[in-house]
Amino acid sequence: MVILVLNCGSSSAKYQVYDWDVKDVLAVGVVEKVTFSGSWIEHRAKGKSELTLKQDCPNHTDAVNLIIKTLTDKEYGVISDMNAIKVVGHRVVQGGEKFTKSVIITPEVLKTIDEVKDLAPLHNPANIMGIEAAQKVLPNIPHCAVMDTAWHQTMPETSYLYAIPYEWYKKYAARRYGFHGTSFLYVTKRAAVLLGKDPLKINLIVCHIGNGASINAIKNGCSFDTSMGITPLEGLVMGTRSGDMDPALPFYVMNKSGMKPGEMENTLNKKSGLLGITEKFTDRRDVNNAVGEGDARAALAQDIEAYRLRKYIGSYFAALEGNVDALVFTAGVGEFASFMRIKFCKGLEKLGFVIDPEKNDLARTRNAESYISRDNSAIPIMVIPTDEELVMTEDAHALLEGTYDVHTKFKYSFESKDYVNKSRAAGIEKDLEKNPALKKIIAQPK
């Protein structure tokens, strides 16, 4: 059985193809600049040469058609024809309060996703376009929605309600929703396996740090609090998002400058964060290179980002009443930026988080889960590469088979001590050939 998962943004369409029978990824890729001229596809398939092909995709239907054409290509493809695909899983950023788990997409489900699009105006419309495009190209199979927000529906009222007129919550569903839920689910379940803990009794602080970033307090295996709010703008300093600030600040600047609400929203989402501070960079690699060249503003941006995250780690330590089984880093920056992990953990020793610089420097791979804390650290610090696509794949398969349920009543394959990610297993063997020292930090199930 072949399962396709899609993550459609406003101008992109990411995909992964998974063979359920052999439990392995067949291909991954992305179509960039969808709806613009100069679109292209980047495609990597197991055992095949990598492909980069320019082809205009004026809309998402054209992008999905290009994906299918590539997947069935004689030279670069991995399936004989589109009929091999039995189910499609779609990432949906905002499900509101309507969804506590993934669902098969019906007209009613799509209508509900559309109704909450104002809560994620930068994401849901693109997700909907991707769903409708894929349904048009693959009309005879089930399509499933995997919501970023579903994981966080276990948060208590004390975590998700804002101190605003309660009527706003009743009328407008104004509350904290949180995002990156699929990533947090995967990392939480893997941490339980590696630490030998009951997945419904584990307490964690998980930091998903990429261009978008959020942190999650996990209590008894469920989301207890998270940094992103009604939209992905709240919380940590991100590539182009401001994160936390005084709510009066936008009104102050609008009154001074004459900016319109739409302009302010765009500025806080797309022109703030690291870009806002440096006035030049959104990519952290560029920021780091600039720091190395003595750019004071780039260094300041890194310090502000790290300081904000440290404050959240401390607050979530308090929220969990000090009962923390591990501090975990994941996503692009969390998995690869060892120098930033040092900054994130600076001064947290008295809370029990003691990072080991040597181990931390080794942990720069997506192919292995690792410990980066000193042996005498009261609380382990871990790096667990996320796998959102696998969660989407397993949800879609279980929905197709009728075996799916909320994560507290459903067991994923990666919750087993015997679980092996074949692609990563092959990758770590190559990593170990280059750097045998990696072996001493790799985490093994207990």
Protein backbone atom coordinates (compact mmCIF):
# COMPACT_ATOMS: atom_id res chain seq x y z
CA MET A 1 0.00 0.00 0.00
CA VAL A 2 1.36 3.41 -1.00
CA ILE A 3 0.48 6.48 1.09
CA LEU A 4 1.05 10.04 -0.08
CA VAL A 5 1.28 12.90 2.42
CA LEU A 6 1.06 16.54 1.33
CA ASN A 7 1.92 19.76 3.11
CA CYS A 8 0.74 22.64 0.95
CA GLY A 9 1.70 26.23 1.68
CA SER A 10 0.60 29.32 -0.20
CA SER A 11 3.42 28.90 -2.74
CA SER A 12 4.73 25.39 -2.14
CA ALA A 13 3.69 21.75 -2.03
CA LYS A 14 5.86 19.35 -0.01
CA TYR A 15 5.28 15.61 -0.32
CA GLN A 16 6.40 12.21 0.90
CA VAL A 17 5.57 8.77 -0.50
CA TYR A 18 5.59 5.82 1.88
CA ASP A 19 5.31 2.10 1.13
CA TRP A 20 3.32 0.68 4.04
CA ASP A 21 4.06 -2.93 3.15
CA VAL A 22 7.84 -2.55 3.48
CA LYS A 23 7.65 0.33 6.03
CA ASP A 24 9.94 2.64 4.11
CA VAL A 25 9.98 6.06 2.47
CA LEU A 26 10.05 5.82 -1.31
CA ALA A 27 10.38 9.51 -2.20
CA VAL A 28 10.29 13.03 -0.83
CA GLY A 29 10.16 16.37 -2.56
CA VAL A 30 8.74 19.86 -2.91
CA VAL A 31 7.29 22.05 -5.62
CA GLU A 32 8.40 25.65 -5.05
CA LYS A 33 6.95 28.97 -6.28
CA VAL A 34 3.49 27.55 -6.92
CA THR A 35 1.21 30.29 -8.37
CA PHE A 36 4.31 32.19 -9.58
CA SER A 37 6.27 31.94 -12.79
CA GLY A 38 9.48 29.95 -12.58
CA SER A 39 8.11 27.06 -10.48
CA TRP A 40 10.25 23.96 -10.02
CA ILE A 41 10.20 20.55 -8.37
CA GLU A 42 12.97 19.03 -6.24
CA HIS A 43 12.58 15.26 -6.01
CA ARG A 44 14.58 12.59 -4.18
CA ALA A 45 13.68 8.91 -4.55
CA LYS A 46 15.29 5.88 -2.97
CA GLY A 47 17.85 4.35 -5.31
CA LYS A 48 17.32 7.04 -7.97
CA SER A 49 19.18 10.17 -9.03
CA GLU A 50 17.94 13.44 -7.57
CA LEU A 51 15.79 15.56 -9.88
CA THR A 52 15.33 19.31 -10.16
CA LEU A 53 12.93 20.28 -12.92
CA LYS A 54 11.54 23.69 -13.85
CA GLN A 55 7.86 23.76 -14.77
CA ASP A 56 5.36 26.54 -14.22
CA CYS A 57 2.56 25.68 -11.79
CA PRO A 58 0.00 28.51 -11.88
CA ASN A 59 -2.07 26.74 -9.21
CA HIS A 60 -1.92 23.87 -6.71
CA THR A 61 -3.72 21.48 -9.07
CA ASP A 62 -0.85 21.88 -11.51
CA ALA A 63 1.60 21.31 -8.64
CA VAL A 64 -0.09 18.06 -7.58
CA ASN A 65 -0.22 16.93 -11.21
CA LEU A 66 3.53 17.59 -11.45
CA ILE A 67 4.11 15.56 -8.30
CA ILE A 68 2.12 12.60 -9.68
CA LYS A 69 3.89 12.89 -13.05
CA THR A 70 7.26 12.79 -11.28
CA LEU A 71 6.30 9.88 -9.02
CA THR A 72 5.28 7.80 -12.04
CA ASP A 73 8.22 8.84 -14.25
CA LYS A 74 10.11 5.83 -15.65
CA GLU A 75 13.52 7.21 -14.69
CA TYR A 76 12.86 9.08 -11.44
CA GLY A 77 9.54 7.67 -10.29
CA VAL A 78 8.70 5.14 -7.58
CA ILE A 79 5.21 3.91 -8.55
CA SER A 80 3.82 2.47 -11.77
CA ASP A 81 0.74 4.72 -11.89
CA MET A 82 -1.39 6.93 -9.67
CA ASN A 83 -3.68 4.00 -8.81
CA ALA A 84 -0.95 2.69 -6.52
CA ILE A 85 -1.75 5.53 -4.08
CA LYS A 86 -4.50 4.35 -1.72
CA VAL A 87 -4.86 7.32 0.66
CA VAL A 88 -3.57 10.89 0.99
CA GLY A 89 -2.79 12.64 4.27
CA HIS A 90 -2.87 16.45 4.34
CA ARG A 91 -1.33 18.76 6.90
CA VAL A 92 -3.86 21.30 8.18
CA VAL A 93 -2.48 24.00 10.47
CA GLN A 94 -5.65 25.14 12.25
CA GLY A 95 -8.56 22.89 13.20
CA GLY A 96 -9.99 25.12 15.91
CA GLU A 97 -11.82 23.38 18.74
CA LYS A 98 -13.65 21.13 16.31
CA PHE A 99 -10.99 18.44 15.97
CA THR A 100 -9.14 16.49 18.66
CA LYS A 101 -7.64 14.04 16.17
CA SER A 102 -7.09 13.44 12.46
CA VAL A 103 -10.16 12.83 10.28
CA ILE A 104 -11.18 11.63 6.84
CA ILE A 105 -12.04 14.70 4.79
CA THR A 106 -15.71 15.08 3.90
CA PRO A 107 -17.45 18.18 2.52
CA GLU A 108 -18.50 18.96 6.11
CA VAL A 109 -14.92 18.66 7.39
CA LEU A 110 -13.62 20.89 4.61
CA LYS A 111 -16.35 23.42 5.41
CA THR A 112 -15.29 23.47 9.08
CA ILE A 113 -11.62 23.94 8.15
CA ASP A 114 -12.69 26.84 5.96
CA GLU A 115 -14.78 28.34 8.79
CA VAL A 116 -11.72 28.64 11.05
CA LYS A 117 -9.42 30.02 8.35
CA ASP A 118 -9.49 33.46 10.02
CA LEU A 119 -7.57 31.86 12.90
CA ALA A 120 -4.75 30.92 10.50
CA PRO A 121 -5.08 33.28 7.52
CA LEU A 122 -1.57 32.54 6.28
CA HIS A 123 -1.95 28.75 6.42
CA ASN A 124 -5.49 27.34 6.22
CA PRO A 125 -6.39 28.84 2.81
CA ALA A 126 -3.25 27.22 1.35
CA ASN A 127 -4.02 23.92 3.09
CA ILE A 128 -7.54 24.01 1.62
CA MET A 129 -6.19 24.74 -1.87
CA GLY A 130 -3.90 21.75 -1.56
CA ILE A 131 -6.71 19.46 -0.43
CA GLU A 132 -9.03 20.53 -3.23
CA ALA A 133 -6.25 20.21 -5.80
CA ALA A 134 -5.33 16.70 -4.63
CA GLN A 135 -8.98 15.63 -4.57
CA LYS A 136 -9.29 16.79 -8.16
CA VAL A 137 -6.21 14.83 -9.27
CA LEU A 138 -6.91 11.79 -7.03
CA PRO A 139 -10.71 11.74 -6.72
CA ASN A 140 -11.36 8.06 -5.98
CA ILE A 141 -9.42 7.57 -2.75
CA PRO A 142 -9.81 8.88 0.82
CA HIS A 143 -8.11 12.11 1.82
CA CYS A 144 -7.32 12.77 5.50
CA ALA A 145 -6.71 15.97 7.46
CA VAL A 146 -3.98 15.89 10.12
CA MET A 147 -4.37 18.99 12.32
CA ASP A 148 -1.46 20.80 13.97
CA THR A 149 -3.85 21.97 16.67
CA ALA A 150 -5.40 18.60 17.58
CA TRP A 151 -2.50 17.59 19.87
CA HIS A 152 -3.03 20.69 22.04
CA GLN A 153 -6.73 20.09 22.69
CA THR A 154 -5.76 18.43 25.99
CA MET A 155 -4.60 21.75 27.46
CA PRO A 156 -6.57 22.87 30.54
CA GLU A 157 -8.52 26.13 30.57
CA THR A 158 -5.79 27.71 32.71
CA SER A 159 -3.41 27.21 29.78
CA TYR A 160 -5.58 28.01 26.78
CA LEU A 161 -7.79 30.89 27.96
CA TYR A 162 -6.60 34.47 27.69
CA ALA A 163 -7.46 37.08 30.36
CA ILE A 164 -9.77 38.90 27.96
CA PRO A 165 -13.57 39.32 28.00
CA TYR A 166 -14.89 35.76 28.19
CA GLU A 167 -17.47 36.71 25.57
CA TRP A 168 -14.65 36.85 23.01
CA TYR A 169 -13.99 33.19 23.64
CA LYS A 170 -17.68 32.28 23.36
CA LYS A 171 -18.35 34.40 20.27
CA TYR A 172 -15.07 34.34 18.37
CA ALA A 173 -13.27 31.23 19.70
CA ALA A 174 -10.46 33.54 20.88
CA ARG A 175 -8.09 31.26 22.83
CA ARG A 176 -4.67 29.65 22.67
CA TYR A 177 -4.53 26.79 20.14
CA GLY A 178 -0.86 25.97 19.71
CA PHE A 179 0.79 24.45 16.65
CA HIS A 180 3.53 21.98 15.61
CA GLY A 181 1.31 19.34 17.22
CA THR A 182 2.30 16.51 14.90
CA SER A 183 5.96 17.10 15.72
CA PHE A 184 5.31 17.25 19.46
CA LEU A 185 3.32 14.01 19.30
CA TYR A 186 6.14 12.16 17.56
CA VAL A 187 8.87 13.48 19.83
CA THR A 188 6.87 12.78 23.00
CA LYS A 189 6.21 9.17 22.03
CA ARG A 190 9.85 8.61 21.04
CA ALA A 191 11.14 10.17 24.27
CA ALA A 192 8.95 7.77 26.27
CA VAL A 193 10.47 4.80 24.41
CA LEU A 194 14.04 6.02 24.86
CA LEU A 195 13.59 6.85 28.56
CA GLY A 196 11.68 3.65 29.32
CA LYS A 197 8.65 5.63 30.53
CA ASP A 198 4.93 5.03 30.26
CA PRO A 199 3.88 7.31 27.35
CA LEU A 200 0.93 8.54 29.43
CA LYS A 201 3.03 9.33 32.50
CA ILE A 202 5.97 11.16 30.95
CA ASN A 203 6.61 14.87 31.60
CA LEU A 204 8.73 16.79 29.06
CA ILE A 205 9.72 20.22 27.86
CA VAL A 206 10.00 19.96 24.06
CA CYS A 207 11.50 22.75 21.95
CA HIS A 208 10.57 22.68 18.24
CA ILE A 209 12.97 25.24 16.82
CA GLY A 210 12.92 25.93 13.09
CA ASN A 211 12.12 29.04 11.08
CA GLY A 212 8.86 28.80 12.98
CA ALA A 213 9.39 27.84 16.61
CA SER A 214 7.38 26.81 19.65
CA ILE A 215 7.85 25.07 22.97
CA ASN A 216 5.51 22.57 24.61
CA ALA A 217 5.08 21.50 28.21
CA ILE A 218 4.03 17.83 28.24
CA LYS A 219 2.27 16.52 31.36
CA ASN A 220 1.37 12.85 31.62
CA GLY A 221 2.05 12.39 27.93
CA CYS A 222 -0.31 15.16 26.81
CA SER A 223 0.03 18.81 25.86
CA PHE A 224 -0.30 20.97 28.99
CA ASP A 225 0.85 24.36 27.71
CA THR A 226 2.48 25.77 24.59
CA SER A 227 4.00 29.05 23.45
CA MET A 228 2.10 29.71 20.21
CA GLY A 229 -1.35 31.18 20.69
CA ILE A 230 -4.48 31.83 18.68
CA THR A 231 -2.07 32.09 15.72
CA PRO A 232 1.55 30.97 15.23
CA LEU A 233 2.71 34.55 15.95
CA GLU A 234 2.86 34.34 19.75
CA GLY A 235 5.75 32.94 21.77
CA LEU A 236 9.38 32.50 20.76
CA VAL A 237 11.47 34.73 18.51
CA MET A 238 11.33 33.20 15.02
CA GLY A 239 12.81 33.78 11.59
CA THR A 240 10.33 36.50 10.62
CA ARG A 241 7.77 36.43 13.48
CA SER A 242 8.04 38.66 16.53
CA GLY A 243 6.77 36.26 19.16
CA ASP A 244 5.71 37.76 22.51
CA MET A 245 5.36 41.52 22.86
CA ASP A 246 3.17 44.13 24.53
CA PRO A 247 -0.27 43.93 22.82
CA ALA A 248 -0.39 47.74 22.85
CA LEU A 249 2.76 48.02 20.73
CA PRO A 250 1.01 47.60 17.35
CA PHE A 251 -1.55 50.28 18.25
CA TYR A 252 1.24 52.63 19.30
CA VAL A 253 3.15 52.20 16.04
CA MET A 254 -0.03 52.37 13.93
CA ASN A 255 -0.99 55.66 15.56
CA LYS A 256 2.51 57.04 15.02
CA SER A 257 3.05 55.79 11.48
CA GLY A 258 -0.42 55.52 9.96
CA MET A 259 0.05 51.80 9.25
CA LYS A 260 -3.12 49.86 8.48
CA PRO A 261 -4.08 46.66 10.39
CA GLY A 262 -3.18 44.46 7.42
CA GLU A 263 0.23 46.10 7.12
CA MET A 264 0.90 45.59 10.82
CA GLU A 265 -0.14 41.93 10.67
CA ASN A 266 2.17 41.39 7.70
CA THR A 267 5.05 43.15 9.47
CA LEU A 268 4.72 41.12 12.67
CA ASN A 269 4.51 37.84 10.71
CA LYS A 270 6.94 38.43 7.86
CA LYS A 271 9.26 41.31 8.75
CA SER A 272 9.99 40.78 12.43
CA GLY A 273 11.88 38.16 14.47
CA LEU A 274 15.50 37.67 13.38
CA LEU A 275 14.82 39.64 10.21
CA GLY A 276 13.39 42.54 12.19
CA ILE A 277 16.40 42.75 14.51
CA THR A 278 19.13 42.21 11.90
CA GLU A 279 17.26 44.03 9.11
CA LYS A 280 18.96 41.58 6.74
CA PHE A 281 18.63 37.91 7.60
CA THR A 282 15.90 35.31 8.04
CA ASP A 283 18.04 32.20 7.55
CA ARG A 284 19.87 31.32 10.76
CA ARG A 285 22.88 30.16 8.76
CA ASP A 286 23.24 33.68 7.43
CA VAL A 287 22.81 35.06 10.93
CA ASN A 288 25.51 32.74 12.27
CA ASN A 289 27.90 33.61 9.44
CA ALA A 290 27.33 37.29 10.16
CA VAL A 291 28.08 36.71 13.86
CA GLY A 292 31.37 35.12 12.83
CA GLU A 293 32.16 38.22 10.81
CA GLY A 294 31.55 40.47 13.79
CA ASP A 295 28.01 41.67 13.01
CA ALA A 296 26.80 43.00 16.37
CA ARG A 297 23.13 43.07 15.35
CA ALA A 298 23.23 39.41 14.28
CA ALA A 299 24.79 38.49 17.62
CA LEU A 300 22.10 40.48 19.41
CA ALA A 301 19.38 38.65 17.46
CA GLN A 302 20.79 35.28 18.55
CA ASP A 303 21.02 36.40 22.16
CA ILE A 304 17.43 37.67 22.19
CA GLU A 305 16.19 34.42 20.64
CA ALA A 306 18.09 32.33 23.19
CA TYR A 307 17.01 34.47 26.14
CA ARG A 308 13.34 34.18 25.16
CA LEU A 309 13.58 30.38 24.94
CA ARG A 310 15.39 30.11 28.28
CA LYS A 311 12.60 32.07 29.94
CA TYR A 312 10.03 29.64 28.53
CA ILE A 313 12.02 26.61 29.69
CA GLY A 314 12.07 28.08 33.20
CA SER A 315 8.37 28.86 33.16
CA TYR A 316 7.45 25.40 31.93
CA PHE A 317 9.69 23.84 34.57
CA ALA A 318 7.51 25.73 37.08
CA ALA A 319 4.28 24.76 35.25
CA LEU A 320 5.29 21.09 35.58
CA GLU A 321 6.15 21.69 39.26
CA GLY A 322 9.72 20.57 38.63
CA ASN A 323 8.62 17.10 37.53
CA VAL A 324 10.48 16.97 34.20
CA ASP A 325 11.78 13.72 32.70
CA ALA A 326 13.75 15.39 29.90
CA LEU A 327 14.38 18.58 27.95
CA VAL A 328 14.18 17.80 24.22
CA PHE A 329 15.25 19.74 21.13
CA THR A 330 13.86 19.03 17.66
CA ALA A 331 13.31 20.55 14.16
CA GLY A 332 15.97 22.19 11.98
CA VAL A 333 17.68 24.48 14.51
CA GLY A 334 16.99 22.17 17.43
CA GLU A 335 18.55 19.23 15.60
CA PHE A 336 21.54 20.87 13.93
CA ALA A 337 22.48 24.19 15.57
CA SER A 338 24.66 22.91 18.41
CA PHE A 339 25.97 26.41 19.16
CA MET A 340 22.39 27.63 19.71
CA ARG A 341 21.60 24.72 22.04
CA ILE A 342 24.50 25.89 24.21
CA LYS A 343 22.93 29.35 24.32
CA PHE A 344 19.47 27.92 25.04
CA CYS A 345 20.75 25.94 28.04
CA LYS A 346 23.03 28.63 29.49
CA GLY A 347 22.34 29.19 33.20
CA LEU A 348 19.84 26.33 33.54
CA GLU A 349 22.18 24.15 35.62
CA LYS A 350 20.43 24.98 38.89
CA LEU A 351 17.20 23.64 37.42
CA GLY A 352 18.99 20.35 36.68
CA PHE A 353 19.78 20.84 32.98
CA VAL A 354 23.54 20.44 32.48
CA ILE A 355 24.61 20.32 28.84
CA ASP A 356 27.81 18.54 27.78
CA PRO A 357 29.62 20.69 25.18
CA GLU A 358 31.41 17.73 23.60
CA LYS A 359 28.30 15.57 23.26
CA ASN A 360 26.30 18.56 22.09
CA ASP A 361 28.79 19.31 19.33
CA LEU A 362 28.53 15.73 18.05
CA ALA A 363 24.73 15.85 17.83
CA ARG A 364 24.24 17.31 14.38
CA THR A 365 22.40 14.63 12.44
CA ARG A 366 18.83 13.80 11.51
CA ASN A 367 19.67 10.11 11.55
CA ALA A 368 19.91 9.44 15.29
CA GLU A 369 18.37 10.33 18.64
CA SER A 370 20.97 11.42 21.16
CA TYR A 371 21.79 12.56 24.69
CA ILE A 372 23.67 15.85 24.96
CA SER A 373 23.66 16.28 28.76
CA ARG A 374 26.46 15.48 31.18
CA ASP A 375 26.25 12.17 33.02
CA ASN A 376 25.62 14.07 36.27
CA SER A 377 22.77 16.15 34.83
CA ALA A 378 19.72 15.69 37.06
CA ILE A 379 17.47 15.90 34.00
CA PRO A 380 18.52 14.47 30.61
CA ILE A 381 18.83 16.80 27.63
CA MET A 382 18.05 15.09 24.33
CA VAL A 383 17.95 15.73 20.61
CA ILE A 384 15.17 13.78 18.87
CA PRO A 385 14.80 14.40 15.12
CA THR A 386 11.13 14.87 14.39
CA ASP A 387 9.14 12.92 11.79
CA GLU A 388 5.84 14.68 11.18
CA GLU A 389 5.37 12.87 7.87
CA LEU A 390 5.39 9.49 9.59
CA VAL A 391 2.67 10.60 12.00
CA MET A 392 0.60 11.80 9.04
CA THR A 393 1.23 8.52 7.22
CA GLU A 394 0.20 6.37 10.19
CA ASP A 395 -2.89 8.47 10.87
CA ALA A 396 -3.96 8.19 7.23
CA HIS A 397 -3.41 4.42 7.18
CA ALA A 398 -5.32 3.88 10.43
CA LEU A 399 -8.20 6.06 9.21
CA LEU A 400 -8.32 4.01 6.01
CA GLU A 401 -8.37 0.76 8.02
CA GLY A 402 -10.84 2.04 10.65
CA THR A 403 -8.41 1.49 13.55
CA TYR A 404 -7.57 5.11 14.38
CA ASP A 405 -8.31 6.97 17.64
CA VAL A 406 -6.96 9.85 19.75
CA HIS A 407 -3.29 9.39 20.63
CA THR A 408 -4.03 8.34 24.23
CA LYS A 409 -5.94 5.33 22.86
CA PHE A 410 -3.85 4.60 19.78
CA LYS A 411 -0.40 3.04 19.46
CA TYR A 412 2.00 4.20 16.76
CA SER A 413 4.67 1.94 15.29
CA PHE A 414 7.40 4.27 16.58
CA GLU A 415 6.26 3.64 20.17
CA SER A 416 7.80 0.18 19.95
CA LYS A 417 11.31 -0.52 21.26
CA ASP A 418 11.91 -2.45 18.04
CA TYR A 419 10.94 0.43 15.73
CA VAL A 420 13.52 1.18 13.01
CA ASN A 421 13.43 4.04 10.55
CA LYS A 422 15.14 2.35 7.60
CA SER A 423 16.26 5.55 5.90
CA ARG A 424 17.75 6.94 9.10
CA ALA A 425 19.34 3.61 10.01
CA ALA A 426 21.17 3.62 6.68
CA GLY A 427 22.08 7.25 7.17
CA ILE A 428 23.57 6.82 10.65
CA GLU A 429 25.80 4.00 9.39
CA LYS A 430 27.33 6.46 6.93
CA ASP A 431 27.57 9.12 9.65
CA LEU A 432 29.39 6.69 11.94
CA GLU A 433 31.89 5.83 9.21
CA LYS A 434 32.79 9.52 9.01
CA ASN A 435 32.64 10.13 12.77
CA PRO A 436 32.78 7.02 15.00
CA ALA A 437 32.54 9.23 18.13
CA LEU A 438 28.83 9.67 17.38
CA LYS A 439 28.23 6.21 18.81
CA LYS A 440 28.70 7.36 22.42
CA ILE A 441 25.80 9.83 22.32
CA ILE A 442 23.19 7.74 20.46
CA ALA A 443 20.13 7.07 22.62
CA GLN A 444 18.87 3.50 22.85
CA PRO A 445 15.45 2.36 24.11
CA LYS A 446 15.36 1.32 27.77
